[in-house]
């Protein structure tokens, strides 16, 4: 089932999310719905706060990045198969030099900015069966995970850009929160709650 994506301005996007247990209701359905929602919106990652739930859960599928011709065959193969569920994740290490990449977000449609992030991370998390996992990721996979991890920490990619750039996109962000944006996927706008 495709869920509405929560738009910029909703307080749920600013909450630090809570851990969950295997008893979380209908978790398998929620995960399937999050994948459906992400794929419908042509995303590569989606965090639970983006569907209105302040829980430490996000999904990623980096396959759309695999056709970037600047990548090695090995990198392309990895990105093509990198599809994961992250529960109660904790980034334990961020290393390597910082690099810029133009990021966007399904909750902030029509806004893209260069964001600086570390090239390598180590993350510990539980998979969908609540089995402990530990991964060290590089490049685009690390970036996608960092972006989604920020969501469960109440951080948006627009928090990581310069003050000048923040000023330049202020009007766009205000319009998004009011629903004055064209998107081809379902969204829920904070300033329209109860008005539709």
N, C-alpha and C. Protein backbone atom coordinates (compact mmCIF):
# COMPACT_ATOMS: atom_id res chain seq x y z
N UNK A 1 0.85 -1.19 0.00
CA UNK A 1 0.00 0.00 0.00
C UNK A 1 0.89 1.25 0.00
N UNK A 2 0.53 2.19 -0.84
CA UNK A 2 1.32 3.43 -0.93
C UNK A 2 0.82 4.42 0.12
N UNK A 3 1.74 4.87 0.95
CA UNK A 3 1.41 5.80 2.04
C UNK A 3 1.72 7.23 1.60
N UNK A 4 1.02 8.22 2.19
CA UNK A 4 1.39 9.60 1.87
C UNK A 4 2.72 9.96 2.53
N UNK A 5 3.55 10.69 1.82
CA UNK A 5 4.84 11.13 2.36
C UNK A 5 4.65 12.47 3.06
N UNK A 6 5.17 12.55 4.27
CA UNK A 6 5.03 13.74 5.10
C UNK A 6 5.92 14.85 4.56
N UNK A 7 5.34 16.02 4.37
CA UNK A 7 6.07 17.15 3.80
C UNK A 7 6.85 17.95 4.84
N UNK A 8 7.86 18.65 4.35
CA UNK A 8 8.65 19.58 5.16
C UNK A 8 7.72 20.46 5.98
N UNK A 9 8.09 20.68 7.24
CA UNK A 9 7.31 21.54 8.12
C UNK A 9 6.54 20.77 9.17
N UNK A 10 6.34 19.47 8.94
CA UNK A 10 5.63 18.65 9.93
C UNK A 10 6.58 18.34 11.09
N UNK A 11 6.11 18.51 12.34
CA UNK A 11 6.98 18.27 13.50
C UNK A 11 7.57 16.86 13.58
N UNK A 12 6.91 15.86 12.99
CA UNK A 12 7.42 14.49 13.08
C UNK A 12 8.80 14.37 12.42
N UNK A 13 9.09 15.23 11.46
CA UNK A 13 10.39 15.19 10.78
C UNK A 13 11.51 15.75 11.65
N UNK A 14 11.16 16.36 12.76
CA UNK A 14 12.16 16.96 13.66
C UNK A 14 12.33 16.19 14.97
N UNK A 15 11.61 15.08 15.10
CA UNK A 15 11.71 14.28 16.33
C UNK A 15 12.85 13.29 16.22
N UNK A 16 13.53 13.06 17.36
CA UNK A 16 14.48 11.95 17.42
C UNK A 16 13.61 10.71 17.64
N UNK A 17 13.73 9.75 16.74
CA UNK A 17 12.85 8.59 16.75
C UNK A 17 13.20 7.60 17.86
N UNK A 18 12.19 6.80 18.23
CA UNK A 18 12.33 5.82 19.32
C UNK A 18 12.62 4.44 18.76
N UNK A 19 13.40 3.67 19.53
CA UNK A 19 13.65 2.27 19.18
C UNK A 19 12.34 1.50 19.17
N UNK A 20 12.32 0.41 18.42
CA UNK A 20 11.16 -0.48 18.42
C UNK A 20 11.58 -1.89 18.80
N UNK A 21 10.60 -2.71 19.13
CA UNK A 21 10.84 -4.12 19.49
C UNK A 21 10.16 -5.00 18.45
N UNK A 22 10.43 -6.32 18.50
CA UNK A 22 9.75 -7.22 17.56
C UNK A 22 8.22 -7.22 17.72
N UNK A 23 7.74 -6.69 18.84
CA UNK A 23 6.29 -6.64 19.08
C UNK A 23 5.62 -5.46 18.38
N UNK A 24 6.40 -4.63 17.68
CA UNK A 24 5.80 -3.47 17.01
C UNK A 24 4.70 -3.96 16.07
N UNK A 25 3.50 -3.38 16.16
CA UNK A 25 2.37 -3.91 15.39
C UNK A 25 2.54 -3.81 13.87
N UNK A 26 2.22 -4.91 13.19
CA UNK A 26 2.21 -4.98 11.72
C UNK A 26 3.51 -4.48 11.07
N UNK A 27 4.64 -4.81 11.67
CA UNK A 27 5.92 -4.31 11.18
C UNK A 27 6.21 -4.77 9.75
N UNK A 28 5.95 -6.05 9.45
CA UNK A 28 6.23 -6.57 8.10
C UNK A 28 5.41 -5.80 7.05
N UNK A 29 4.15 -5.51 7.38
CA UNK A 29 3.29 -4.73 6.46
C UNK A 29 3.83 -3.32 6.30
N UNK A 30 4.25 -2.71 7.41
CA UNK A 30 4.80 -1.35 7.36
C UNK A 30 6.02 -1.31 6.45
N UNK A 31 6.92 -2.27 6.60
CA UNK A 31 8.14 -2.32 5.78
C UNK A 31 7.76 -2.46 4.30
N UNK A 32 6.84 -3.37 4.00
CA UNK A 32 6.40 -3.56 2.60
C UNK A 32 5.77 -2.27 2.07
N UNK A 33 4.96 -1.60 2.88
CA UNK A 33 4.33 -0.35 2.47
C UNK A 33 5.36 0.75 2.24
N UNK A 34 6.40 0.77 3.07
CA UNK A 34 7.46 1.78 2.90
C UNK A 34 8.21 1.55 1.60
N UNK A 35 8.50 0.30 1.26
CA UNK A 35 9.14 0.02 -0.03
C UNK A 35 8.23 0.44 -1.19
N UNK A 36 6.93 0.10 -1.09
CA UNK A 36 5.98 0.50 -2.14
C UNK A 36 5.95 2.02 -2.31
N UNK A 37 5.92 2.71 -1.17
CA UNK A 37 5.85 4.18 -1.18
C UNK A 37 7.11 4.78 -1.79
N UNK A 38 8.27 4.27 -1.37
CA UNK A 38 9.55 4.76 -1.88
C UNK A 38 9.67 4.51 -3.39
N UNK A 39 9.31 3.32 -3.83
CA UNK A 39 9.41 2.99 -5.25
C UNK A 39 8.45 3.82 -6.09
N UNK A 40 7.24 4.04 -5.58
CA UNK A 40 6.24 4.84 -6.28
C UNK A 40 6.73 6.27 -6.50
N UNK A 41 7.53 6.77 -5.55
CA UNK A 41 8.04 8.15 -5.62
C UNK A 41 9.43 8.21 -6.25
N UNK A 42 9.92 7.08 -6.76
CA UNK A 42 11.26 7.00 -7.37
C UNK A 42 12.37 7.41 -6.41
N UNK A 43 12.24 6.98 -5.16
CA UNK A 43 13.26 7.27 -4.15
C UNK A 43 14.26 6.13 -4.02
N UNK A 44 15.35 6.40 -3.30
CA UNK A 44 16.34 5.37 -3.00
C UNK A 44 16.39 5.06 -1.51
N UNK A 45 15.61 5.79 -0.73
CA UNK A 45 15.54 5.55 0.70
C UNK A 45 14.29 6.20 1.26
N UNK A 46 13.78 5.65 2.37
CA UNK A 46 12.61 6.23 3.03
C UNK A 46 12.68 5.87 4.51
N UNK A 47 12.53 6.88 5.35
CA UNK A 47 12.56 6.68 6.80
C UNK A 47 11.14 6.78 7.36
N UNK A 48 10.90 6.05 8.46
CA UNK A 48 9.58 6.03 9.08
C UNK A 48 9.01 7.42 9.38
N UNK A 49 9.83 8.40 9.85
CA UNK A 49 9.26 9.73 10.07
C UNK A 49 8.63 10.33 8.80
N UNK A 50 9.11 9.91 7.64
CA UNK A 50 8.57 10.43 6.39
C UNK A 50 7.18 9.87 6.06
N UNK A 51 6.76 8.86 6.81
CA UNK A 51 5.38 8.37 6.69
C UNK A 51 4.63 8.59 8.01
N UNK A 52 5.17 9.52 8.82
CA UNK A 52 4.47 9.96 10.02
C UNK A 52 4.74 9.19 11.30
N UNK A 53 5.76 8.32 11.30
CA UNK A 53 6.05 7.50 12.47
C UNK A 53 7.44 7.81 13.03
N UNK A 54 7.50 8.26 14.26
CA UNK A 54 8.79 8.62 14.88
C UNK A 54 9.44 7.38 15.50
N UNK A 55 9.75 6.42 14.62
CA UNK A 55 10.42 5.19 15.06
C UNK A 55 11.70 5.01 14.25
N UNK A 56 12.66 4.26 14.84
CA UNK A 56 13.97 4.09 14.22
C UNK A 56 13.93 2.96 13.19
N UNK A 57 13.36 3.31 12.04
CA UNK A 57 13.22 2.36 10.94
C UNK A 57 13.41 3.11 9.63
N UNK A 58 14.25 2.57 8.75
CA UNK A 58 14.32 3.10 7.39
C UNK A 58 14.67 1.98 6.41
N UNK A 59 14.31 2.21 5.15
CA UNK A 59 14.59 1.24 4.10
C UNK A 59 15.39 1.94 3.00
N UNK A 60 16.25 1.19 2.34
CA UNK A 60 17.01 1.73 1.21
C UNK A 60 17.04 0.72 0.08
N UNK A 61 17.12 1.25 -1.13
CA UNK A 61 17.32 0.43 -2.33
C UNK A 61 18.06 1.33 -3.32
N UNK A 62 19.36 1.11 -3.43
CA UNK A 62 20.21 2.01 -4.23
C UNK A 62 20.29 1.63 -5.70
N UNK A 63 19.49 0.66 -6.15
CA UNK A 63 19.54 0.21 -7.55
C UNK A 63 19.48 1.36 -8.57
N UNK A 64 18.65 2.42 -8.36
CA UNK A 64 18.62 3.49 -9.35
C UNK A 64 19.97 4.19 -9.57
N UNK A 65 20.87 4.14 -8.58
CA UNK A 65 22.20 4.76 -8.74
C UNK A 65 23.16 3.88 -9.54
N UNK A 66 22.81 2.61 -9.74
CA UNK A 66 23.75 1.65 -10.34
C UNK A 66 24.08 1.95 -11.80
N UNK A 67 23.24 2.74 -12.49
CA UNK A 67 23.54 3.01 -13.90
C UNK A 67 24.37 4.27 -14.11
N UNK A 68 24.97 4.79 -13.03
CA UNK A 68 25.87 5.95 -13.14
C UNK A 68 27.17 5.49 -13.81
N UNK A 69 27.49 6.05 -14.97
CA UNK A 69 28.66 5.59 -15.72
C UNK A 69 29.99 5.96 -15.07
N UNK A 70 29.98 6.82 -14.04
CA UNK A 70 31.23 7.16 -13.36
C UNK A 70 31.66 6.08 -12.36
N UNK A 71 30.80 5.10 -12.12
CA UNK A 71 31.09 4.05 -11.14
C UNK A 71 31.85 2.89 -11.78
N UNK A 72 32.62 2.19 -10.96
CA UNK A 72 33.28 0.98 -11.44
C UNK A 72 32.22 -0.12 -11.56
N UNK A 73 32.54 -1.19 -12.27
CA UNK A 73 31.60 -2.31 -12.42
C UNK A 73 31.27 -2.91 -11.05
N UNK A 74 32.28 -2.96 -10.18
CA UNK A 74 32.07 -3.50 -8.82
C UNK A 74 31.09 -2.62 -8.02
N UNK A 75 31.28 -1.29 -8.11
CA UNK A 75 30.38 -0.36 -7.41
C UNK A 75 28.95 -0.48 -7.96
N UNK A 76 28.83 -0.58 -9.28
CA UNK A 76 27.51 -0.72 -9.90
C UNK A 76 26.81 -1.98 -9.42
N UNK A 77 27.55 -3.07 -9.37
CA UNK A 77 26.98 -4.36 -8.93
C UNK A 77 26.51 -4.26 -7.48
N UNK A 78 27.33 -3.63 -6.63
CA UNK A 78 26.95 -3.49 -5.22
C UNK A 78 25.68 -2.66 -5.07
N UNK A 79 25.64 -1.51 -5.74
CA UNK A 79 24.47 -0.62 -5.63
C UNK A 79 23.21 -1.29 -6.17
N UNK A 80 23.36 -2.09 -7.21
CA UNK A 80 22.22 -2.78 -7.80
C UNK A 80 21.58 -3.73 -6.78
N UNK A 81 22.41 -4.34 -5.94
CA UNK A 81 21.88 -5.32 -4.97
C UNK A 81 21.71 -4.80 -3.56
N UNK A 82 21.98 -3.50 -3.34
CA UNK A 82 21.93 -2.98 -1.98
C UNK A 82 20.51 -2.53 -1.63
N UNK A 83 19.76 -3.46 -1.06
CA UNK A 83 18.37 -3.21 -0.64
C UNK A 83 18.26 -3.74 0.78
N UNK A 84 18.02 -2.84 1.74
CA UNK A 84 18.06 -3.26 3.15
C UNK A 84 17.05 -2.53 4.00
N UNK A 85 16.69 -3.21 5.09
CA UNK A 85 15.86 -2.64 6.16
C UNK A 85 16.78 -2.37 7.34
N UNK A 86 16.69 -1.17 7.92
CA UNK A 86 17.50 -0.80 9.08
C UNK A 86 16.56 -0.49 10.25
N UNK A 87 16.70 -1.25 11.33
CA UNK A 87 15.89 -1.04 12.54
C UNK A 87 16.83 -0.69 13.69
N UNK A 88 16.46 0.33 14.45
CA UNK A 88 17.23 0.77 15.64
C UNK A 88 18.71 1.00 15.30
N UNK A 89 18.94 1.63 14.16
CA UNK A 89 20.31 1.83 13.66
C UNK A 89 21.09 2.83 14.50
N UNK A 90 22.41 2.61 14.52
CA UNK A 90 23.34 3.54 15.18
C UNK A 90 24.60 3.60 14.33
N UNK A 91 24.93 4.78 13.82
CA UNK A 91 26.20 4.94 13.11
C UNK A 91 27.29 5.03 14.18
N UNK A 92 28.26 4.11 14.10
CA UNK A 92 29.30 4.04 15.13
C UNK A 92 30.60 4.71 14.69
N UNK A 93 30.75 4.92 13.37
CA UNK A 93 31.97 5.55 12.89
C UNK A 93 31.72 6.22 11.54
N UNK A 94 32.28 7.41 11.37
CA UNK A 94 32.26 8.12 10.09
C UNK A 94 33.70 8.48 9.78
N UNK A 95 34.21 7.98 8.65
CA UNK A 95 35.62 8.21 8.31
C UNK A 95 35.74 8.60 6.84
N UNK A 96 36.99 8.82 6.43
CA UNK A 96 37.26 9.20 5.05
C UNK A 96 37.02 10.69 4.87
N UNK A 97 37.47 11.18 3.70
CA UNK A 97 37.30 12.61 3.49
C UNK A 97 35.85 12.92 3.18
N UNK A 98 35.48 14.16 3.45
CA UNK A 98 34.12 14.61 3.14
C UNK A 98 34.03 14.91 1.65
N UNK A 99 32.87 14.62 1.07
CA UNK A 99 32.68 14.90 -0.36
C UNK A 99 31.26 15.42 -0.58
N UNK A 100 31.15 16.25 -1.60
CA UNK A 100 29.87 16.88 -1.93
C UNK A 100 29.10 16.04 -2.93
N UNK A 101 27.80 16.00 -2.75
CA UNK A 101 26.91 15.32 -3.69
C UNK A 101 25.57 16.03 -3.64
N UNK A 102 24.94 16.15 -4.78
CA UNK A 102 23.67 16.85 -4.87
C UNK A 102 22.55 15.95 -4.37
N UNK A 103 21.96 16.32 -3.23
CA UNK A 103 20.93 15.50 -2.59
C UNK A 103 19.55 16.14 -2.71
N UNK A 104 18.56 15.28 -2.68
CA UNK A 104 17.17 15.70 -2.62
C UNK A 104 16.48 14.84 -1.57
N UNK A 105 15.19 15.08 -1.36
CA UNK A 105 14.45 14.35 -0.34
C UNK A 105 12.99 14.30 -0.74
N UNK A 106 12.37 13.14 -0.58
CA UNK A 106 10.96 12.99 -0.95
C UNK A 106 10.05 13.89 -0.12
N UNK A 107 10.48 14.27 1.08
CA UNK A 107 9.69 15.17 1.93
C UNK A 107 9.89 16.64 1.56
N UNK A 108 10.90 16.90 0.72
CA UNK A 108 11.22 18.28 0.32
C UNK A 108 11.31 18.33 -1.21
N UNK A 109 10.20 18.07 -1.90
CA UNK A 109 10.25 17.97 -3.37
C UNK A 109 10.67 19.28 -4.04
N UNK A 110 11.44 19.14 -5.12
CA UNK A 110 11.84 20.31 -5.90
C UNK A 110 13.03 21.07 -5.34
N UNK A 111 13.60 20.58 -4.24
CA UNK A 111 14.78 21.22 -3.65
C UNK A 111 15.93 20.23 -3.70
N UNK A 112 17.03 20.65 -4.30
CA UNK A 112 18.24 19.83 -4.35
C UNK A 112 19.43 20.72 -4.01
N UNK A 113 20.32 20.23 -3.17
CA UNK A 113 21.50 21.01 -2.78
C UNK A 113 22.69 20.08 -2.60
N UNK A 114 23.89 20.64 -2.77
CA UNK A 114 25.11 19.89 -2.50
C UNK A 114 25.31 19.77 -1.00
N UNK A 115 25.50 18.53 -0.55
CA UNK A 115 25.68 18.25 0.87
C UNK A 115 27.01 17.53 1.05
N UNK A 116 27.76 17.93 2.08
CA UNK A 116 29.05 17.31 2.37
C UNK A 116 28.86 16.21 3.42
N UNK A 117 29.34 15.01 3.12
CA UNK A 117 29.27 13.89 4.07
C UNK A 117 30.56 13.08 3.99
N UNK A 118 30.85 12.34 5.06
CA UNK A 118 32.01 11.44 5.07
C UNK A 118 31.82 10.34 4.05
N UNK A 119 32.93 9.88 3.45
CA UNK A 119 32.80 8.88 2.40
C UNK A 119 32.59 7.47 2.93
N UNK A 120 32.89 7.23 4.23
CA UNK A 120 32.72 5.88 4.77
C UNK A 120 32.05 5.92 6.14
N UNK A 121 31.16 4.96 6.38
CA UNK A 121 30.53 4.84 7.69
C UNK A 121 30.51 3.38 8.12
N UNK A 122 30.42 3.19 9.43
CA UNK A 122 30.12 1.87 9.99
C UNK A 122 28.82 2.04 10.76
N UNK A 123 27.88 1.14 10.51
CA UNK A 123 26.56 1.23 11.12
C UNK A 123 26.16 -0.12 11.70
N UNK A 124 25.59 -0.07 12.91
CA UNK A 124 25.05 -1.27 13.54
C UNK A 124 23.54 -1.13 13.57
N UNK A 125 22.84 -2.22 13.30
CA UNK A 125 21.38 -2.17 13.21
C UNK A 125 20.80 -3.57 13.33
N UNK A 126 19.49 -3.64 13.38
CA UNK A 126 18.79 -4.92 13.34
C UNK A 126 18.12 -5.04 11.98
N UNK A 127 18.13 -6.24 11.41
CA UNK A 127 17.42 -6.43 10.14
C UNK A 127 15.93 -6.68 10.43
N UNK A 128 15.15 -6.97 9.38
CA UNK A 128 13.70 -7.12 9.57
C UNK A 128 13.33 -8.30 10.46
N UNK A 129 14.29 -9.24 10.68
CA UNK A 129 14.06 -10.36 11.60
C UNK A 129 14.66 -10.10 12.97
N UNK A 130 15.08 -8.84 13.20
CA UNK A 130 15.67 -8.40 14.46
C UNK A 130 16.98 -9.11 14.77
N UNK A 131 17.69 -9.49 13.71
CA UNK A 131 19.03 -10.06 13.88
C UNK A 131 20.04 -8.92 13.79
N UNK A 132 21.01 -8.87 14.74
CA UNK A 132 22.02 -7.79 14.73
C UNK A 132 22.90 -7.85 13.48
N UNK A 133 23.16 -6.68 12.90
CA UNK A 133 23.98 -6.55 11.71
C UNK A 133 24.98 -5.40 11.92
N UNK A 134 26.10 -5.51 11.22
CA UNK A 134 27.09 -4.42 11.23
C UNK A 134 27.64 -4.31 9.82
N UNK A 135 27.60 -3.11 9.27
CA UNK A 135 28.08 -2.89 7.90
C UNK A 135 29.03 -1.71 7.87
N UNK A 136 30.05 -1.82 7.02
CA UNK A 136 30.87 -0.66 6.68
C UNK A 136 30.58 -0.36 5.22
N UNK A 137 30.16 0.88 4.96
CA UNK A 137 29.73 1.29 3.62
C UNK A 137 30.54 2.47 3.13
N UNK A 138 30.70 2.54 1.80
CA UNK A 138 31.44 3.63 1.17
C UNK A 138 30.58 4.32 0.12
N UNK A 139 31.00 5.50 -0.27
CA UNK A 139 30.44 6.19 -1.43
C UNK A 139 28.94 6.42 -1.36
N UNK A 140 28.26 6.11 -2.47
CA UNK A 140 26.83 6.41 -2.58
C UNK A 140 25.99 5.62 -1.58
N UNK A 141 26.35 4.37 -1.33
CA UNK A 141 25.60 3.57 -0.35
C UNK A 141 25.70 4.21 1.03
N UNK A 142 26.91 4.65 1.39
CA UNK A 142 27.10 5.32 2.69
C UNK A 142 26.29 6.60 2.75
N UNK A 143 26.26 7.34 1.66
CA UNK A 143 25.52 8.61 1.62
C UNK A 143 24.02 8.39 1.79
N UNK A 144 23.46 7.42 1.09
CA UNK A 144 22.02 7.15 1.21
C UNK A 144 21.68 6.77 2.65
N UNK A 145 22.50 5.91 3.24
CA UNK A 145 22.25 5.49 4.63
C UNK A 145 22.39 6.68 5.58
N UNK A 146 23.39 7.53 5.38
CA UNK A 146 23.56 8.71 6.24
C UNK A 146 22.34 9.64 6.14
N UNK A 147 21.83 9.83 4.93
CA UNK A 147 20.66 10.69 4.71
C UNK A 147 19.45 10.13 5.46
N UNK A 148 19.20 8.82 5.33
CA UNK A 148 18.05 8.21 6.01
C UNK A 148 18.26 8.16 7.52
N UNK A 149 19.49 7.92 7.93
CA UNK A 149 19.81 7.90 9.36
C UNK A 149 19.53 9.28 9.98
N UNK A 150 19.88 10.33 9.25
CA UNK A 150 19.58 11.69 9.73
C UNK A 150 18.08 11.85 10.01
N UNK A 151 17.24 11.26 9.16
CA UNK A 151 15.79 11.36 9.38
C UNK A 151 15.37 10.81 10.74
N UNK A 152 15.94 9.68 11.16
CA UNK A 152 15.54 9.11 12.46
C UNK A 152 16.16 9.88 13.62
N UNK A 153 17.08 10.80 13.30
CA UNK A 153 17.67 11.68 14.31
C UNK A 153 17.02 13.07 14.28
N UNK A 154 16.00 13.25 13.42
CA UNK A 154 15.30 14.54 13.34
C UNK A 154 16.05 15.60 12.54
N UNK A 155 16.96 15.14 11.66
CA UNK A 155 17.79 16.06 10.87
C UNK A 155 17.41 15.94 9.40
N UNK A 156 17.34 17.08 8.71
CA UNK A 156 17.05 17.09 7.27
C UNK A 156 18.29 17.54 6.51
N UNK A 157 18.39 17.16 5.24
CA UNK A 157 19.59 17.52 4.48
C UNK A 157 19.75 19.03 4.36
N UNK A 158 18.65 19.78 4.44
CA UNK A 158 18.72 21.24 4.35
C UNK A 158 19.39 21.84 5.58
N UNK A 159 19.51 21.06 6.67
CA UNK A 159 20.22 21.54 7.86
C UNK A 159 21.73 21.57 7.63
N UNK A 160 22.19 20.88 6.60
CA UNK A 160 23.62 20.71 6.37
C UNK A 160 24.16 21.62 5.28
N UNK A 161 23.35 22.59 4.85
CA UNK A 161 23.82 23.51 3.81
C UNK A 161 24.13 24.87 4.43
N UNK A 162 24.79 25.73 3.67
CA UNK A 162 25.23 27.03 4.20
C UNK A 162 24.04 27.94 4.52
N UNK A 163 24.28 28.92 5.37
CA UNK A 163 23.24 29.89 5.74
C UNK A 163 22.70 30.61 4.52
N UNK A 164 23.59 30.93 3.59
CA UNK A 164 23.19 31.63 2.37
C UNK A 164 22.22 30.76 1.56
N UNK A 165 22.58 29.49 1.38
CA UNK A 165 21.70 28.59 0.62
C UNK A 165 20.37 28.40 1.33
N UNK A 166 20.41 28.36 2.66
CA UNK A 166 19.16 28.22 3.43
C UNK A 166 18.25 29.43 3.16
N UNK A 167 18.84 30.61 3.10
CA UNK A 167 18.06 31.82 2.81
C UNK A 167 17.44 31.75 1.41
N UNK A 168 18.23 31.24 0.46
CA UNK A 168 17.77 31.17 -0.93
C UNK A 168 16.60 30.20 -1.13
N UNK A 169 16.52 29.16 -0.28
CA UNK A 169 15.43 28.18 -0.47
C UNK A 169 14.29 28.37 0.53
N UNK A 170 14.39 29.40 1.37
CA UNK A 170 13.39 29.63 2.42
C UNK A 170 11.96 29.68 1.86
N UNK A 171 11.77 30.40 0.76
CA UNK A 171 10.45 30.53 0.15
C UNK A 171 9.92 29.20 -0.37
N UNK A 172 10.82 28.41 -0.99
CA UNK A 172 10.43 27.09 -1.50
C UNK A 172 9.97 26.19 -0.35
N UNK A 173 10.72 26.23 0.77
CA UNK A 173 10.37 25.39 1.92
C UNK A 173 9.01 25.80 2.49
N UNK A 174 8.77 27.10 2.57
CA UNK A 174 7.48 27.59 3.07
C UNK A 174 6.35 27.12 2.17
N UNK A 175 6.57 27.17 0.85
CA UNK A 175 5.55 26.72 -0.09
C UNK A 175 5.27 25.22 0.04
N UNK A 176 6.34 24.44 0.25
CA UNK A 176 6.16 22.99 0.42
C UNK A 176 5.27 22.71 1.62
N UNK A 177 5.54 23.39 2.75
CA UNK A 177 4.74 23.14 3.96
C UNK A 177 3.28 23.54 3.78
N UNK A 178 3.02 24.45 2.84
CA UNK A 178 1.64 24.88 2.56
C UNK A 178 0.97 24.06 1.46
N UNK A 179 1.72 23.12 0.88
CA UNK A 179 1.16 22.30 -0.18
C UNK A 179 1.23 22.95 -1.55
N UNK A 180 2.00 24.02 -1.67
CA UNK A 180 2.13 24.72 -2.96
C UNK A 180 3.32 24.14 -3.73
N UNK A 181 3.16 22.89 -4.14
CA UNK A 181 4.23 22.19 -4.85
C UNK A 181 3.59 21.11 -5.71
N UNK A 182 4.16 20.88 -6.89
CA UNK A 182 3.65 19.82 -7.76
C UNK A 182 4.48 18.56 -7.58
N UNK A 183 3.81 17.49 -7.18
CA UNK A 183 4.48 16.20 -7.04
C UNK A 183 3.61 15.14 -7.69
N UNK A 184 4.25 14.05 -8.11
CA UNK A 184 3.47 12.98 -8.72
C UNK A 184 3.36 11.77 -7.79
N UNK A 185 3.43 12.03 -6.48
CA UNK A 185 3.18 10.99 -5.48
C UNK A 185 2.37 11.61 -4.34
N UNK A 186 1.77 10.75 -3.54
CA UNK A 186 0.91 11.23 -2.45
C UNK A 186 1.74 11.90 -1.36
N UNK A 187 1.27 13.07 -0.90
CA UNK A 187 1.93 13.77 0.20
C UNK A 187 0.90 14.26 1.21
N UNK A 188 1.39 14.48 2.42
CA UNK A 188 0.56 15.07 3.47
C UNK A 188 1.28 16.34 3.92
N UNK A 189 0.59 17.47 3.83
CA UNK A 189 1.21 18.77 4.12
C UNK A 189 0.77 19.27 5.49
N UNK A 190 1.72 19.76 6.30
CA UNK A 190 1.38 20.17 7.68
C UNK A 190 0.35 21.29 7.77
N UNK A 191 0.42 22.24 6.86
CA UNK A 191 -0.48 23.40 6.95
C UNK A 191 -1.85 23.13 6.34
N UNK A 192 -2.03 21.92 5.79
CA UNK A 192 -3.33 21.57 5.21
C UNK A 192 -4.07 20.54 6.07
N UNK A 193 -3.50 20.17 7.22
CA UNK A 193 -4.15 19.18 8.09
C UNK A 193 -5.56 19.65 8.43
N UNK A 194 -6.50 18.78 8.20
CA UNK A 194 -7.89 19.09 8.53
C UNK A 194 -8.58 19.99 7.51
N UNK A 195 -7.87 20.43 6.48
CA UNK A 195 -8.46 21.33 5.49
C UNK A 195 -8.87 20.61 4.22
N UNK A 196 -8.54 19.30 4.11
CA UNK A 196 -8.88 18.56 2.89
C UNK A 196 -9.83 17.45 3.22
